[in-house]
Protein backbone atom coordinates (compact mmCIF):
# COMPACT_ATOMS: atom_id res chain seq x y z
CA UNK A 1 0.00 -0.08 0.09
CA UNK A 2 1.20 3.55 -0.67
CA UNK A 3 1.92 5.22 2.61
CA UNK A 4 0.26 8.38 3.64
CA UNK A 5 2.34 11.53 3.19
CA UNK A 6 2.31 14.12 5.82
CA UNK A 7 1.99 17.88 5.27
CA UNK A 8 -0.30 20.31 3.67
CA UNK A 9 -1.59 18.16 0.94
CA UNK A 10 -3.14 15.37 3.39
CA UNK A 11 -6.75 15.75 3.95
CA UNK A 12 -7.62 15.82 7.77
CA UNK A 13 -10.18 12.87 7.37
CA UNK A 14 -7.97 10.52 5.92
CA UNK A 15 -4.96 11.63 8.07
CA UNK A 16 -6.89 10.88 11.36
CA UNK A 17 -8.43 7.71 9.98
CA UNK A 18 -11.95 7.60 11.63
CA UNK A 19 -13.81 4.48 12.81
CA UNK A 20 -17.08 3.79 11.22
CA UNK A 21 -18.68 6.59 9.06
CA UNK A 22 -21.71 7.39 7.35
CA UNK A 23 -21.48 6.28 3.72
CA UNK A 24 -22.14 9.88 2.46
CA UNK A 25 -19.40 11.41 4.40
CA UNK A 26 -16.92 8.62 3.45
CA UNK A 27 -17.60 9.13 -0.18
CA UNK A 28 -17.13 12.82 0.14
CA UNK A 29 -13.81 12.21 2.07
CA UNK A 30 -12.74 10.06 -0.95
CA UNK A 31 -13.71 12.27 -3.56
CA UNK A 32 -12.10 15.42 -1.94
CA UNK A 33 -8.80 13.50 -1.60
CA UNK A 34 -8.91 12.48 -5.27
CA UNK A 35 -9.67 15.97 -6.28
CA UNK A 36 -6.78 17.37 -4.41
CA UNK A 37 -4.67 14.79 -5.88
CA UNK A 38 -5.68 15.78 -9.55
CA UNK A 39 -7.37 12.47 -10.40
CA UNK A 40 -9.44 13.21 -13.54
CA UNK A 41 -12.80 11.78 -12.29
CA UNK A 42 -12.64 11.87 -8.55
CA UNK A 43 -16.26 11.26 -7.57
CA UNK A 44 -16.55 8.28 -10.02
CA UNK A 45 -13.41 6.71 -8.91
CA UNK A 46 -14.37 7.23 -5.23
CA UNK A 47 -17.71 5.52 -5.75
CA UNK A 48 -16.17 2.68 -7.72
CA UNK A 49 -13.70 2.02 -4.93
CA UNK A 50 -16.37 2.27 -2.25
CA UNK A 51 -18.60 -0.14 -4.12
CA UNK A 52 -15.54 -2.59 -4.52
CA UNK A 53 -14.85 -2.52 -0.79
CA UNK A 54 -18.47 -2.86 0.30
CA UNK A 55 -19.13 -5.48 -2.41
CA UNK A 56 -22.17 -3.71 -3.60
CA UNK A 57 -23.35 -2.21 -7.10
CA UNK A 58 -22.96 1.52 -7.49
CA UNK A 59 -26.77 1.95 -7.47
CA UNK A 60 -26.84 0.29 -4.00
CA UNK A 61 -24.05 2.39 -2.74
CA UNK A 62 -25.89 5.63 -4.12
CA UNK A 63 -28.82 4.36 -2.02
CA UNK A 64 -26.66 3.97 1.14
CA UNK A 65 -25.33 7.44 0.70
CA UNK A 66 -28.82 9.06 0.57
CA UNK A 67 -29.73 6.98 3.57
CA UNK A 68 -26.62 7.93 5.59
CA UNK A 69 -26.04 4.27 6.03
CA UNK A 70 -23.21 3.25 8.48
CA UNK A 71 -19.91 1.83 7.11
CA UNK A 72 -17.89 -0.27 9.51
CA UNK A 73 -14.37 0.90 10.71
CA UNK A 74 -12.61 -1.82 9.04
CA UNK A 75 -14.37 -1.18 5.56
CA UNK A 76 -13.69 2.54 6.04
CA UNK A 77 -10.13 1.96 6.65
CA UNK A 78 -9.68 -0.34 3.63
CA UNK A 79 -11.42 2.30 1.53
CA UNK A 80 -9.28 5.06 2.56
CA UNK A 81 -6.14 3.00 1.88
CA UNK A 82 -7.40 2.47 -1.69
CA UNK A 83 -8.15 6.08 -1.99
CA UNK A 84 -4.54 7.09 -1.09
CA UNK A 85 -3.25 4.50 -3.70
CA UNK A 86 -5.55 6.05 -6.14
CA UNK A 87 -4.45 9.53 -5.17
CA UNK A 88 -0.72 8.45 -5.97
CA UNK A 89 -2.09 7.56 -9.51
CA UNK A 90 -2.12 3.65 -9.25
CA UNK A 91 -4.70 2.95 -11.88
CA UNK A 92 -8.19 2.23 -10.71
CA UNK A 93 -8.39 -1.16 -12.47
CA UNK A 94 -5.35 -2.27 -10.58
CA UNK A 95 -7.08 -1.46 -7.10
CA UNK A 96 -10.27 -3.42 -8.11
CA UNK A 97 -8.47 -5.92 -10.18
CA UNK A 98 -11.25 -5.63 -12.91
CA UNK A 99 -11.50 -3.52 -16.09
CA UNK A 100 -14.88 -3.27 -17.99
CA UNK A 101 -14.82 -4.22 -21.56
CA UNK A 102 -18.14 -4.12 -23.59
CA UNK A 103 -20.31 -6.51 -21.34
CA UNK A 104 -17.24 -8.32 -19.88
CA UNK A 105 -15.26 -7.48 -16.70
CA UNK A 106 -11.68 -8.52 -17.39
CA UNK A 107 -9.15 -9.47 -14.67
CA UNK A 108 -6.22 -7.02 -14.86
CA UNK A 109 -3.27 -5.87 -12.66
CA UNK A 110 0.40 -5.05 -12.88
CA UNK A 111 2.24 -6.25 -15.99
CA UNK A 112 -0.77 -5.95 -18.38
CA UNK A 113 -2.12 -3.30 -20.52
CA UNK A 114 -5.39 -1.87 -19.25
CA UNK A 115 -8.10 -2.22 -22.07
CA UNK A 116 -9.44 1.23 -23.43
CA UNK A 117 -12.97 1.94 -24.38
CA UNK A 118 -11.71 2.82 -27.81
CA UNK A 119 -10.79 -0.80 -28.42
CA UNK A 120 -14.32 -1.81 -28.00
CA UNK A 121 -15.22 -0.39 -31.54
CA UNK A 122 -12.40 -2.44 -32.79
CA UNK A 123 -14.20 -5.51 -31.48
CA UNK A 124 -17.61 -4.26 -32.90
CA UNK A 125 -15.96 -3.98 -36.34
CA UNK A 126 -14.82 -7.46 -36.21
CA UNK A 127 -18.11 -8.83 -34.96
CA UNK A 128 -19.77 -7.01 -37.78
CA UNK A 129 -17.39 -8.61 -40.30
CA UNK A 130 -18.07 -12.00 -38.95
CA UNK A 131 -21.89 -11.44 -39.14
CA UNK A 132 -21.54 -10.40 -42.68
CA UNK A 133 -19.63 -13.30 -43.90
CA UNK A 134 -21.94 -15.73 -41.87
CA UNK A 135 -24.83 -14.82 -44.04
CA UNK A 136 -23.18 -16.31 -47.17
CA UNK A 137 -21.98 -19.51 -45.30
CA UNK A 138 -23.67 -22.68 -43.96
CA UNK A 139 -25.31 -22.44 -40.56
CA UNK A 140 -22.76 -24.69 -39.05
CA UNK A 141 -19.73 -22.41 -40.39
CA UNK A 142 -17.24 -21.95 -37.59
CA UNK A 143 -14.78 -19.11 -38.35
CA UNK A 144 -11.40 -19.00 -36.95
CA UNK A 145 -10.24 -15.79 -35.46
CA UNK A 146 -6.88 -14.81 -34.03
CA UNK A 147 -5.94 -11.82 -31.72
CA UNK A 148 -2.32 -10.79 -32.09
CA UNK A 149 -0.77 -9.15 -29.03
CA UNK A 150 -3.79 -9.85 -26.85
CA UNK A 151 -2.55 -8.40 -23.58
CA UNK A 152 -5.45 -8.85 -21.13
CA UNK A 153 -7.43 -10.87 -23.83
CA UNK A 154 -10.03 -8.06 -24.38
CA UNK A 155 -10.50 -8.48 -28.09
CA UNK A 156 -10.43 -12.27 -28.05
CA UNK A 157 -12.74 -12.33 -25.11
CA UNK A 158 -15.27 -10.11 -26.74
CA UNK A 159 -15.37 -12.04 -30.05
CA UNK A 160 -15.57 -15.44 -28.24
CA UNK A 161 -18.38 -14.24 -25.95
CA UNK A 162 -20.43 -12.44 -28.52
CA UNK A 163 -19.82 -14.74 -31.55
CA UNK A 164 -19.70 -18.14 -29.68
CA UNK A 165 -19.49 -20.14 -32.91
CA UNK A 166 -16.06 -18.86 -33.59
CA UNK A 167 -12.87 -20.75 -32.88
CA UNK A 168 -10.84 -17.94 -31.22
CA UNK A 169 -7.11 -17.89 -30.67
CA UNK A 170 -4.85 -15.33 -28.87
CA UNK A 171 -1.05 -14.67 -28.91
CA UNK A 172 0.81 -12.69 -26.28
CA UNK A 173 4.67 -12.59 -25.75
CA UNK A 174 4.70 -11.19 -22.18
CA UNK A 175 4.56 -13.75 -19.49
CA UNK A 176 2.82 -11.43 -17.18
CA UNK A 177 0.28 -10.32 -19.65
CA UNK A 178 -0.27 -13.95 -20.75
CA UNK A 179 -1.15 -14.93 -17.23
CA UNK A 180 -3.88 -12.34 -16.83
CA UNK A 181 -5.16 -13.30 -20.43
CA UNK A 182 -5.26 -16.95 -19.30
CA UNK A 183 -7.75 -16.11 -16.53
CA UNK A 184 -9.89 -14.05 -18.83
CA UNK A 185 -9.89 -16.53 -21.82
CA UNK A 186 -9.83 -19.90 -20.46
CA UNK A 187 -13.45 -19.87 -19.26
CA UNK A 188 -14.58 -18.66 -22.83
CA UNK A 189 -12.63 -21.45 -24.62
CA UNK A 190 -10.13 -19.25 -26.24
CA UNK A 191 -6.72 -20.94 -26.93
CA UNK A 192 -3.77 -18.89 -25.74
CA UNK A 193 -0.34 -18.96 -27.36
CA UNK A 194 2.46 -17.37 -25.55
CA UNK A 195 4.77 -16.43 -28.39
CA UNK A 196 5.99 -13.52 -30.66
CA UNK A 197 3.29 -12.44 -33.00
CA UNK A 198 6.07 -11.87 -35.74
CA UNK A 199 6.84 -15.58 -35.81
CA UNK A 200 3.88 -17.26 -37.63
CA UNK A 201 4.24 -21.19 -37.59
CA UNK A 202 3.85 -22.70 -41.02
CA UNK A 203 0.82 -24.63 -39.91
CA UNK A 204 -1.04 -21.56 -39.05
CA UNK A 205 -0.65 -20.02 -42.40
CA UNK A 206 -3.78 -19.34 -44.59
CA UNK A 207 -6.07 -20.71 -41.89
CA UNK A 208 -7.75 -17.82 -40.16
CA UNK A 209 -10.89 -15.91 -41.49
CA UNK A 210 -10.22 -12.84 -39.22
CA UNK A 211 -7.19 -11.29 -37.53
CA UNK A 212 -7.66 -8.58 -35.00
CA UNK A 213 -4.94 -6.55 -33.03
CA UNK A 214 -4.36 -3.65 -30.69
CA UNK A 215 -0.42 -3.78 -31.06
CA UNK A 216 1.91 -1.28 -29.42
CA UNK A 217 2.13 1.88 -31.53
CA UNK A 218 3.44 4.90 -29.45
CA UNK A 219 6.59 6.35 -31.12
CA UNK A 220 9.86 5.75 -29.12
CA UNK A 221 10.26 9.50 -28.45
CA UNK A 222 6.73 10.16 -27.17
CA UNK A 223 6.05 9.67 -23.56
CA UNK A 224 2.27 9.16 -22.43
CA UNK A 225 1.07 12.12 -20.50
CA UNK A 226 -1.16 10.04 -18.08
CA UNK A 227 0.90 8.80 -15.05
CA UNK A 228 -1.28 5.99 -14.85
CA UNK A 229 -0.08 4.89 -18.51
CA UNK A 230 3.45 6.10 -18.15
CA UNK A 231 4.35 4.40 -14.99
CA UNK A 232 2.04 1.42 -14.88
CA UNK A 233 1.30 0.18 -18.26
CA UNK A 234 4.15 -2.18 -19.56
CA UNK A 235 6.53 -0.66 -22.08
CA UNK A 236 6.18 -3.94 -24.30
CA UNK A 237 2.54 -2.97 -24.67
CA UNK A 238 3.02 0.79 -25.53
CA UNK A 239 5.85 1.57 -27.81
CA UNK A 240 5.60 0.28 -31.25
CA UNK A 241 9.07 0.59 -32.35
CA UNK A 242 10.94 3.16 -34.53
CA UNK A 243 10.62 6.79 -34.88
CA UNK A 244 6.94 6.55 -35.89
CA UNK A 245 5.88 3.76 -33.80
CA UNK A 246 4.83 1.66 -36.64
CA UNK A 247 7.19 -1.34 -36.57
CA UNK A 248 4.74 -3.43 -34.71
CA UNK A 249 1.68 -2.36 -36.65
CA UNK A 250 3.60 -3.23 -39.93
CA UNK A 251 4.50 -6.57 -38.23
CA UNK A 252 0.82 -7.18 -37.56
CA UNK A 253 -0.14 -6.57 -41.24
CA UNK A 254 2.66 -8.80 -42.36
CA UNK A 255 1.47 -11.44 -39.98
CA UNK A 256 -2.05 -11.17 -41.00
CA UNK A 257 -1.15 -11.62 -44.67
CA UNK A 258 0.20 -15.01 -43.78
CA UNK A 259 -2.47 -16.12 -41.48
CA UNK A 260 -5.51 -15.35 -43.51
CA UNK A 261 -7.29 -17.46 -45.90
CA UNK A 262 -7.86 -15.75 -49.34
CA UNK A 263 -10.55 -13.12 -48.83
CA UNK A 264 -9.87 -13.07 -45.09
CA UNK A 265 -10.02 -9.80 -43.13
CA UNK A 266 -7.89 -8.04 -40.63
CA UNK A 267 -8.18 -4.90 -38.28
CA UNK A 268 -5.70 -3.27 -36.14
CA UNK A 269 -5.93 -0.35 -33.83
CA UNK A 270 -3.51 2.67 -33.86
CA UNK A 271 -3.26 6.31 -33.17
CA UNK A 272 -5.25 8.83 -34.94
CA UNK A 273 -2.27 10.46 -36.55
CA UNK A 274 -1.07 7.08 -37.78
CA UNK A 275 -4.27 6.49 -39.88
CA UNK A 276 -3.22 7.88 -43.14
CA UNK A 277 0.15 6.43 -43.19
CA UNK A 278 -1.13 2.81 -42.35
CA UNK A 279 -3.95 3.05 -44.96
CA UNK A 280 -1.52 4.05 -47.58
CA UNK A 281 0.87 1.19 -46.57
CA UNK A 282 -1.98 -1.14 -47.12
CA UNK A 283 -3.24 0.26 -50.29
CA UNK A 284 0.46 0.05 -51.72
CA UNK A 285 0.41 -3.74 -51.03
CA UNK A 286 -0.94 -5.75 -54.07
CA UNK A 287 -2.13 -8.48 -51.73
CA UNK A 288 -4.52 -6.33 -49.89
CA UNK A 289 -7.96 -5.05 -51.00
CA UNK A 290 -10.71 -2.99 -49.67
CA UNK A 291 -8.69 -0.96 -47.13
CA UNK A 292 -10.80 0.95 -44.72
CA UNK A 293 -10.44 3.30 -41.81
CA UNK A 294 -12.71 3.03 -38.81
CA UNK A 295 -13.51 5.68 -36.23
CA UNK A 296 -13.95 5.48 -32.55
CA UNK A 297 -16.90 6.82 -30.63
CA UNK A 298 -15.28 10.34 -30.52
CA UNK A 299 -15.01 10.21 -34.22
CA UNK A 300 -11.29 9.72 -34.42
CA UNK A 301 -9.51 7.49 -36.97
CA UNK A 302 -8.56 4.58 -34.70
CA UNK A 303 -8.35 1.51 -36.68
CA UNK A 304 -7.47 0.16 -40.17
CA UNK A 305 -8.73 -2.89 -41.92
CA UNK A 306 -8.28 -4.80 -45.18
CA UNK A 307 -8.99 -7.96 -47.05
CA UNK A 308 -6.41 -10.45 -48.30
CA UNK A 309 -7.11 -10.73 -52.08
CA UNK A 310 -8.86 -13.75 -53.45
CA UNK A 311 -6.62 -16.22 -55.35
CA UNK A 312 -7.13 -15.64 -58.99
CA UNK A 313 -8.94 -18.44 -60.99
CA UNK A 314 -6.34 -20.13 -63.20
CA UNK A 315 -6.20 -19.44 -66.80
CA UNK A 316 -7.09 -22.22 -69.32
CA UNK A 317 -3.56 -22.52 -70.14
CA UNK A 318 -2.72 -23.02 -66.50
CA UNK A 319 -5.22 -25.50 -66.17
CA UNK A 320 -4.21 -27.43 -69.18
CA UNK A 321 -0.45 -27.51 -67.97
């Protein structure tokens, strides 16, 4: 636990560590401390931490606050400990051990990249693609999907849970991240492979219908502004390699070309400023067709997709040969 610092920045309520408290007073204490520390969403974070400690939904917590319900001294102390850790900018998800992603709650902690809301739209695009293709396939068609650089398993988990007929695989190099992914993916029947996404085994080639990825893409010279990201997200999941951060996105595209069946489809997430460069990179590749840019909910260019070209039908001369 992060120790309480003494001095002018310590709130009196937390410094003196009261016994039992009314829920509304305790929430105000936590929100005030997080506001003082510059946490972006202090009231929301205070409520999430209190609901976590008390083991109740936030709706029930709100009712407790309105009623002035008592909180035991033990729960109050645990809560204020977590508030102090959040004030020191430990990610909220590390404190609760959970990160929401679409309708899932993923297990997360130190050593794994915390999934962002923007990535939910990448999952939606993949699910939409699977639904489109399924319309022209037999009812028993079971698409094969692979998530490259899965991290916590967010994309693979969303696809497996929302398109249960798919056979889903996930690849992750980091042993720490893979441990979290295993917890999230095993209950959903996803097969996890701990390996480098740039090393595609020969027996995987031309065997997947969809490839998804949220690879590292931050340029080497750019340091994330958010302390939670800069200090707590693993560097392996952040920096894409090269001055433009595109070494890993390019590697994902190269791997997707080897993994996909003819006509297969891939999508990868990236920074908004990288969208034009990656779209042009794909359009310049004769093997890729129907390149598209996808926006997140804020309207930012957040992902690029393309199809692997269909194999041309053999000419009469080739067939006779």
